[in-house]
Amino acid sequence: MWCESGSNQPEQSQGLAALAEHPLASRVCLLLPASEMIFRHFTLPKKGGSGQATQFSWLAEETLIGDVDNLHWTVMNKKGRDVDAVAIDTDRLHHWLNRLSEAGLTVVQVLPDAILLPVAQGGTTLVATDDGYWMRYSPFGACQADAGLLPLLLSQQCAGDITCYGDAPEGVQIDDTVAGQHSLVLIQPQWKRCRANLLHGAFSPQGTTGGFRHAKAVMITVAMLSLGLLIGPRVGMAWMLTSQENQAQQQMVELAQHYFPTLRTTSNLKYHFGQNIQKEKKGVFLQLDALEQIKQSLPSVELSEVEYDNTQNLLTLNVSATDPTALQAFMNKASTTFDFTLQPVSTQTPYTAIITGKYK
C-alpha cells in the first residue's frame, strides 16, 4: 500500500517498478512493519562512554534473545536522560533499502509504521486492517498482530484505556470505538510531525541535499503491510515468553553471583561476567578458555558437550570430526595444557570420541 502525503486515498501498489514512474519517486518515506523492530525505553547513565548504539545494545542485551551487535538503533524521543529508541536488524534494513533502490525508488526517510498511530497518555490504540491489527501503546511501543493474540498482548501491557478504529477484536474490552480509517490515513498527522529517521550513521542517505529536514512536504508513503502481518504473530509469541524471560534473567544473576560472590550488579551481566573471568587465575573458566583456543585452531573438530566434575577437577568432552586424524591432532594440541585420554566411539564418519582428563 502507498499514498501521497496529505491524500485520503491510499492505493494498492501494482509493484515497485510501477511506483518508480511516479513524479515523487525520488522522495520516498518507507514505513517498515513495527513487528520487525524492537522498542525500548532507556535511562542513560550520567557519564556516556561508548557510542550511543553500543550503549543501547548493552542496556538491552539482557531483555533480548540472540546477538545484539547487529542491531541498528535510532532515538525516537528524548527528554533529559530518558530515551525512547527503536532497533532493527542491520541486514533487514539493508534488504528493504536494496529492494527499493533496485526498483528505482529513492528512500529519504524510514520509520516504524504503527508507532505513528495516535495514542492517549497511558492508553492503547488499535487499528483494524484486512488481516489483523496495528497496535500502539504508550509511552512508546508498537506491533502488529492477529486478533487472537491481542488479549494476551494487552494483558501484558496494563493497557489503560483502549481506543479501536474499526471492528473491535473479540475478547477485548474497548473503551472507545471510532469509525474505521485506513492506517495510512490515520498516521499522517503524526508522521508530518515526526523528525526521527532510521537513515543515519551507516544508512545516511547519499546524494541528497539537506537530508529529510529539507525535503518537500509531499512524499510517497510505502508500507509493506502484508509482510508485516506475517511477522506479527512472532512478536505475539515473544510476549508469551515474558515470564520465562524474567525467570531466565534471575537465573543468570544467581549463576553469576554463584561463581563471583562479590559481583552485585544485576544489569549488563554479560560484560561484567566476562571482566571477572579475565581476572581468574585458576578454575574451570581458564580450562574452558584453553579448550576454546584449541578448538579455534582445529575447526574440523566439534565439541558437542563439555562436562566438569568440580570434586575431581575432571573434564569429560564429547567430540566429533569427519577425519579421525583430526581427533589425534586435538589430543596433540591439548597435551601442553591437559592430561587427556581418548576413547574412540565410532569407526566411521562422523568419527566420535569421549575425551577425559584434567588440567595440568
Protein backbone atom coordinates (compact mmCIF):
# COMPACT_ATOMS: atom_id res chain seq x y z
CA MET A 1 0.00 0.00 0.00
CA TRP A 2 1.11 3.57 -0.64
CA CYS A 3 -0.22 7.10 -0.72
CA GLU A 4 0.95 10.66 -1.19
CA SER A 5 1.28 12.87 1.85
CA GLY A 6 -2.00 14.68 2.51
CA SER A 7 -4.04 12.26 0.44
CA ASN A 8 -7.01 10.37 1.87
CA GLN A 9 -6.84 7.78 -0.89
CA PRO A 10 -4.30 5.01 -0.17
CA GLU A 11 -3.64 2.87 -3.22
CA GLN A 12 -2.67 -0.72 -3.83
CA SER A 13 0.74 -0.94 -5.45
CA GLN A 14 0.99 -2.84 -8.73
CA GLY A 15 4.67 -3.40 -7.98
CA LEU A 16 7.62 -1.26 -7.00
CA ALA A 17 8.63 -0.82 -10.64
CA ALA A 18 5.32 0.93 -11.32
CA LEU A 19 5.90 3.34 -8.43
CA ALA A 20 9.30 4.22 -9.89
CA GLU A 21 7.46 6.13 -12.65
CA HIS A 22 5.79 8.42 -10.09
CA PRO A 23 6.99 12.06 -10.07
CA LEU A 24 7.88 11.73 -6.37
CA ALA A 25 9.85 8.50 -6.72
CA SER A 26 12.96 10.33 -5.54
CA ARG A 27 11.36 11.37 -2.20
CA VAL A 28 10.09 8.17 -0.58
CA CYS A 29 9.26 7.61 3.07
CA LEU A 30 9.42 3.88 3.75
CA LEU A 31 7.23 2.59 6.57
CA LEU A 32 8.53 -0.76 7.80
CA PRO A 33 6.49 -3.16 9.94
CA ALA A 34 6.75 -2.34 13.64
CA SER A 35 6.85 -6.09 14.24
CA GLU A 36 10.30 -6.21 12.64
CA MET A 37 11.59 -3.78 15.25
CA ILE A 38 12.44 -3.66 18.94
CA PHE A 39 11.20 -0.77 21.11
CA ARG A 40 12.95 0.08 24.37
CA HIS A 41 12.91 2.86 26.96
CA PHE A 42 16.31 3.67 28.48
CA THR A 43 17.52 5.88 31.30
CA LEU A 44 21.04 6.71 30.24
CA PRO A 45 23.91 6.83 32.74
CA LYS A 46 25.20 10.26 33.68
CA LYS A 47 28.53 9.62 32.01
CA GLY A 48 28.49 8.21 28.50
CA GLY A 49 31.42 6.10 27.39
CA SER A 50 31.00 4.23 24.15
CA GLY A 51 28.92 5.21 21.15
CA GLN A 52 25.18 5.52 21.57
CA ALA A 53 24.27 2.40 19.58
CA THR A 54 26.74 0.30 21.56
CA GLN A 55 25.39 1.73 24.81
CA PHE A 56 21.81 0.86 23.84
CA SER A 57 22.84 -2.69 22.94
CA TRP A 58 24.50 -3.15 26.33
CA LEU A 59 21.43 -1.87 28.13
CA ALA A 60 19.06 -4.05 26.10
CA GLU A 61 21.02 -7.29 25.76
CA GLU A 62 19.55 -8.99 28.82
CA THR A 63 15.97 -8.48 27.57
CA LEU A 64 16.67 -9.90 24.11
CA ILE A 65 17.24 -13.36 22.71
CA GLY A 66 20.26 -13.65 20.45
CA ASP A 67 23.11 -11.37 19.45
CA VAL A 68 22.57 -7.62 19.83
CA ASP A 69 25.69 -6.50 17.95
CA ASN A 70 23.92 -6.35 14.58
CA LEU A 71 21.14 -4.01 15.74
CA HIS A 72 20.77 -0.52 14.27
CA TRP A 73 19.41 1.86 16.96
CA THR A 74 17.50 5.11 16.42
CA VAL A 75 16.34 7.62 19.03
CA MET A 76 12.64 8.36 18.54
CA ASN A 77 12.13 10.54 21.61
CA LYS A 78 14.50 12.03 24.20
CA LYS A 79 13.88 14.00 27.38
CA GLY A 80 16.91 14.56 29.56
CA ARG A 81 18.48 11.15 30.23
CA ASP A 82 15.25 9.31 29.31
CA VAL A 83 15.32 7.95 25.79
CA ASP A 84 12.81 6.01 23.70
CA ALA A 85 14.66 4.12 20.98
CA VAL A 86 13.90 1.59 18.28
CA ALA A 87 16.19 -1.05 16.80
CA ILE A 88 16.12 -3.08 13.60
CA ASP A 89 18.44 -5.80 12.38
CA THR A 90 21.04 -4.19 10.12
CA ASP A 91 20.72 -6.89 7.46
CA ARG A 92 16.94 -6.48 7.34
CA LEU A 93 17.21 -2.72 6.83
CA HIS A 94 19.78 -3.25 4.08
CA HIS A 95 17.37 -5.74 2.49
CA TRP A 96 14.48 -3.27 2.37
CA LEU A 97 16.58 -0.38 1.11
CA ASN A 98 18.18 -2.51 -1.58
CA ARG A 99 14.77 -3.68 -2.82
CA LEU A 100 13.54 -0.13 -3.30
CA SER A 101 16.82 1.07 -4.76
CA GLU A 102 16.85 -1.74 -7.32
CA ALA A 103 13.28 -0.75 -8.28
CA GLY A 104 14.36 2.85 -8.93
CA LEU A 105 12.94 4.44 -5.75
CA THR A 106 15.00 6.80 -3.57
CA VAL A 107 14.26 6.49 0.16
CA VAL A 108 14.83 9.64 2.23
CA GLN A 109 13.13 8.56 5.47
CA VAL A 110 12.45 5.21 7.19
CA LEU A 111 10.09 4.83 10.16
CA PRO A 112 8.21 2.08 12.05
CA ASP A 113 4.63 2.14 10.79
CA ALA A 114 2.40 1.53 13.84
CA ILE A 115 4.38 3.85 16.10
CA LEU A 116 2.81 6.76 14.16
CA LEU A 117 -0.72 5.94 15.35
CA PRO A 118 -2.36 8.47 17.68
CA VAL A 119 -2.37 7.33 21.31
CA ALA A 120 -3.65 8.82 24.57
CA GLN A 121 -1.31 9.08 27.55
CA GLY A 122 -1.35 5.73 29.34
CA GLY A 123 -3.60 4.15 26.74
CA THR A 124 -3.51 1.91 23.70
CA THR A 125 -4.69 2.39 20.13
CA LEU A 126 -5.84 -0.45 17.85
CA VAL A 127 -6.50 -0.14 14.14
CA ALA A 128 -8.22 -2.95 12.25
CA THR A 129 -6.60 -3.99 8.96
CA ASP A 130 -7.61 -6.65 6.46
CA ASP A 131 -5.58 -9.38 8.20
CA GLY A 132 -5.11 -8.19 11.77
CA TYR A 133 -4.44 -5.10 13.86
CA TRP A 134 -1.88 -2.37 14.24
CA MET A 135 -1.32 -1.64 17.92
CA ARG A 136 0.40 1.31 19.59
CA TYR A 137 0.70 1.54 23.34
CA SER A 138 2.16 4.40 25.33
CA PRO A 139 4.59 5.66 26.31
CA PHE A 140 6.42 4.28 23.28
CA GLY A 141 5.92 0.93 21.62
CA ALA A 142 4.05 -0.72 18.76
CA CYS A 143 3.47 -4.01 17.00
CA GLN A 144 1.24 -5.83 14.52
CA ALA A 145 -0.73 -8.92 15.46
CA ASP A 146 -3.73 -11.00 14.57
CA ALA A 147 -6.93 -10.77 16.60
CA GLY A 148 -6.28 -13.99 18.53
CA LEU A 149 -3.10 -12.62 20.11
CA LEU A 150 -4.42 -9.22 21.14
CA PRO A 151 -5.99 -10.24 24.51
CA LEU A 152 -2.63 -11.68 25.58
CA LEU A 153 -0.64 -8.67 24.39
CA LEU A 154 -2.95 -6.21 26.11
CA SER A 155 -2.89 -8.16 29.37
CA GLN A 156 0.91 -7.94 29.37
CA GLN A 157 0.83 -4.19 28.76
CA CYS A 158 -1.55 -2.97 31.52
CA ALA A 159 -3.10 -1.13 28.63
CA GLY A 160 -5.25 1.57 30.30
CA ASP A 161 -7.98 2.99 28.05
CA ILE A 162 -8.19 1.21 24.70
CA THR A 163 -9.31 3.06 21.56
CA CYS A 164 -10.14 0.98 18.50
CA TYR A 165 -10.54 2.28 14.96
CA GLY A 166 -12.79 -0.08 13.03
CA ASP A 167 -14.07 -3.50 14.09
CA ALA A 168 -13.15 -4.40 17.66
CA PRO A 169 -11.42 -7.76 18.24
CA GLU A 170 -13.29 -10.45 20.16
CA GLY A 171 -12.33 -10.89 23.78
CA VAL A 172 -11.05 -7.31 24.21
CA GLN A 173 -12.89 -4.69 26.26
CA ILE A 174 -12.80 -1.48 24.19
CA ASP A 175 -13.23 1.88 25.97
CA ASP A 176 -13.71 3.99 22.84
CA THR A 177 -14.74 2.79 19.36
CA VAL A 178 -14.08 5.11 16.41
CA ALA A 179 -15.16 4.74 12.79
CA GLY A 180 -12.59 2.82 10.80
CA GLN A 181 -9.94 4.71 8.86
CA HIS A 182 -7.20 3.34 6.67
CA SER A 183 -3.98 3.13 8.68
CA LEU A 184 -2.03 5.15 6.09
CA VAL A 185 -4.54 7.98 6.50
CA LEU A 186 -4.66 7.76 10.29
CA ILE A 187 -0.88 8.06 10.75
CA GLN A 188 -0.35 11.13 8.58
CA PRO A 189 -0.71 13.88 11.26
CA GLN A 190 1.85 12.12 13.46
CA TRP A 191 4.12 11.36 10.50
CA LYS A 192 4.31 15.02 9.46
CA ARG A 193 5.42 15.99 12.97
CA CYS A 194 7.94 13.15 13.30
CA ARG A 195 11.54 14.17 12.68
CA ALA A 196 13.04 10.79 13.52
CA ASN A 197 14.68 8.81 10.74
CA LEU A 198 16.32 5.39 10.71
CA LEU A 199 18.57 6.62 7.91
CA HIS A 200 21.58 7.78 9.91
CA GLY A 201 25.06 6.55 10.60
CA ALA A 202 25.93 3.83 8.10
CA PHE A 203 22.50 4.34 6.48
CA SER A 204 22.80 8.10 5.93
CA PRO A 205 21.31 9.00 2.53
CA GLN A 206 23.93 9.67 -0.12
CA GLY A 207 23.49 12.30 -2.75
CA THR A 208 20.53 14.12 -1.15
CA THR A 209 20.71 17.79 -0.31
CA GLY A 210 19.99 18.68 3.28
CA GLY A 211 18.53 15.30 4.23
CA PHE A 212 14.96 14.76 5.33
CA ARG A 213 14.60 18.01 7.27
CA HIS A 214 14.70 20.00 4.00
CA ALA A 215 12.62 17.64 1.92
CA LYS A 216 9.38 18.81 0.30
CA ALA A 217 6.26 18.28 2.37
CA VAL A 218 4.79 15.90 -0.20
CA MET A 219 6.27 12.38 -0.28
CA ILE A 220 5.20 8.91 -1.22
CA THR A 221 4.48 6.64 1.73
CA VAL A 222 5.18 2.97 1.10
CA ALA A 223 4.05 0.48 3.72
CA MET A 224 4.81 -3.23 3.46
CA LEU A 225 1.67 -4.33 5.27
CA SER A 226 1.40 -7.91 4.05
CA LEU A 227 4.91 -8.87 5.13
CA GLY A 228 4.44 -7.13 8.45
CA LEU A 229 1.33 -9.13 9.26
CA LEU A 230 3.15 -12.36 8.50
CA ILE A 231 5.74 -11.45 11.09
CA GLY A 232 3.28 -10.10 13.66
CA PRO A 233 2.45 -13.45 15.29
CA ARG A 234 6.13 -13.94 16.05
CA VAL A 235 6.01 -10.84 18.21
CA GLY A 236 2.98 -12.20 19.98
CA MET A 237 4.82 -15.39 20.78
CA ALA A 238 7.69 -13.35 22.17
CA TRP A 239 5.26 -11.62 24.51
CA MET A 240 4.06 -15.01 25.71
CA LEU A 241 7.61 -15.73 26.85
CA THR A 242 7.79 -12.67 29.12
CA SER A 243 7.57 -14.60 32.37
CA GLN A 244 10.09 -17.17 31.16
CA GLU A 245 12.43 -14.32 30.21
CA ASN A 246 12.19 -12.85 33.69
CA GLN A 247 12.90 -16.24 35.22
CA ALA A 248 15.90 -16.75 32.95
CA GLN A 249 17.20 -13.29 33.93
CA GLN A 250 17.00 -14.23 37.61
CA GLN A 251 18.83 -17.49 36.93
CA MET A 252 21.57 -15.57 35.14
CA VAL A 253 22.02 -13.30 38.15
CA GLU A 254 22.16 -16.29 40.53
CA LEU A 255 24.67 -18.08 38.29
CA ALA A 256 26.93 -15.03 38.06
CA GLN A 257 26.85 -14.46 41.82
CA HIS A 258 27.48 -18.16 42.48
CA TYR A 259 30.80 -18.03 40.66
CA PHE A 260 31.64 -14.46 41.66
CA PRO A 261 30.08 -13.74 45.09
CA THR A 262 31.41 -10.17 45.10
CA LEU A 263 29.50 -9.38 41.88
CA ARG A 264 26.48 -7.35 42.93
CA THR A 265 25.31 -5.90 39.61
CA THR A 266 22.12 -7.26 38.04
CA SER A 267 22.46 -5.44 34.71
CA ASN A 268 24.88 -5.78 31.79
CA LEU A 269 25.82 -9.20 33.18
CA LYS A 270 27.49 -10.40 30.01
CA TYR A 271 30.09 -7.63 30.20
CA HIS A 272 30.75 -7.86 33.96
CA PHE A 273 30.87 -11.66 33.90
CA GLY A 274 33.47 -11.51 31.13
CA GLN A 275 35.54 -8.96 33.07
CA ASN A 276 35.57 -11.20 36.14
CA ILE A 277 36.57 -14.23 34.11
CA GLN A 278 39.59 -12.34 32.78
CA LYS A 279 40.74 -11.79 36.37
CA GLU A 280 40.61 -15.51 37.19
CA LYS A 281 43.95 -17.21 37.84
CA LYS A 282 42.61 -20.75 38.20
CA GLY A 283 39.44 -22.82 37.93
CA VAL A 284 37.10 -24.08 35.24
CA PHE A 285 36.96 -20.81 33.30
CA LEU A 286 40.66 -20.98 32.48
CA GLN A 287 40.16 -24.55 31.32
CA LEU A 288 37.24 -23.59 29.09
CA ASP A 289 39.30 -20.74 27.63
CA ALA A 290 42.17 -23.14 26.89
CA LEU A 291 39.73 -25.55 25.22
CA GLU A 292 38.30 -22.74 23.11
CA GLN A 293 41.76 -21.77 21.86
CA ILE A 294 42.49 -25.38 20.89
CA LYS A 295 39.11 -25.66 19.16
CA GLN A 296 39.71 -22.48 17.14
CA SER A 297 42.96 -23.92 15.78
CA LEU A 298 41.12 -27.10 14.69
CA PRO A 299 37.80 -26.06 13.06
CA SER A 300 37.22 -29.61 11.78
CA VAL A 301 36.73 -30.83 15.37
CA GLU A 302 33.35 -30.22 17.00
CA LEU A 303 32.83 -30.15 20.78
CA SER A 304 29.23 -31.22 21.28
CA GLU A 305 29.32 -31.48 25.08
CA VAL A 306 31.62 -30.45 27.92
CA GLU A 307 31.10 -31.73 31.47
CA TYR A 308 33.09 -30.67 34.52
CA ASP A 309 33.31 -32.56 37.83
CA ASN A 310 34.30 -29.95 40.39
CA THR A 311 35.06 -32.54 43.10
CA GLN A 312 37.73 -34.26 40.98
CA ASN A 313 38.63 -31.35 38.67
CA LEU A 314 37.78 -33.73 35.82
CA LEU A 315 36.69 -32.76 32.32
CA THR A 316 34.67 -35.00 30.00
CA LEU A 317 34.33 -33.99 26.35
CA ASN A 318 32.19 -35.40 23.57
CA VAL A 319 33.98 -34.65 20.29
CA SER A 320 33.46 -35.49 16.63
CA ALA A 321 35.27 -34.98 13.34
CA THR A 322 34.99 -36.03 9.71
CA ASP A 323 38.61 -37.21 9.77
CA PRO A 324 39.99 -39.47 12.54
CA THR A 325 43.39 -37.77 12.28
CA ALA A 326 41.73 -34.53 13.43
CA LEU A 327 40.88 -36.18 16.76
CA GLN A 328 44.51 -37.13 17.27
CA ALA A 329 45.56 -33.62 16.29
CA PHE A 330 43.22 -32.31 19.00
CA MET A 331 44.90 -34.59 21.56
CA ASN A 332 48.36 -33.42 20.47
CA LYS A 333 47.37 -29.76 20.75
CA ALA A 334 45.78 -30.31 24.16
CA SER A 335 48.74 -32.20 25.59
CA THR A 336 50.55 -28.99 26.57
CA THR A 337 47.78 -27.92 28.97
CA PHE A 338 45.70 -31.06 29.62
CA ASP A 339 46.35 -34.66 30.58
CA PHE A 340 43.70 -36.27 28.35
CA THR A 341 42.73 -39.83 27.42
CA LEU A 342 40.99 -40.53 24.09
CA GLN A 343 38.31 -43.23 23.89
CA PRO A 344 37.01 -43.71 20.30
CA VAL A 345 33.29 -44.38 19.97
CA SER A 346 32.72 -44.79 16.22
CA THR A 347 34.87 -46.22 13.44
CA GLN A 348 33.15 -44.44 10.56
CA THR A 349 32.25 -40.87 9.69
CA PRO A 350 31.42 -38.85 11.64
CA TYR A 351 34.17 -40.10 13.93
CA THR A 352 33.18 -39.54 17.55
CA ALA A 353 35.08 -39.99 20.78
CA ILE A 354 34.96 -39.32 24.50
CA ILE A 355 37.92 -37.45 25.97
CA THR A 356 38.51 -37.36 29.72
CA GLY A 357 41.25 -35.78 31.79
CA LYS A 358 42.47 -32.93 33.93
CA TYR A 359 44.06 -29.54 33.56
CA LYS A 360 47.80 -29.69 34.21
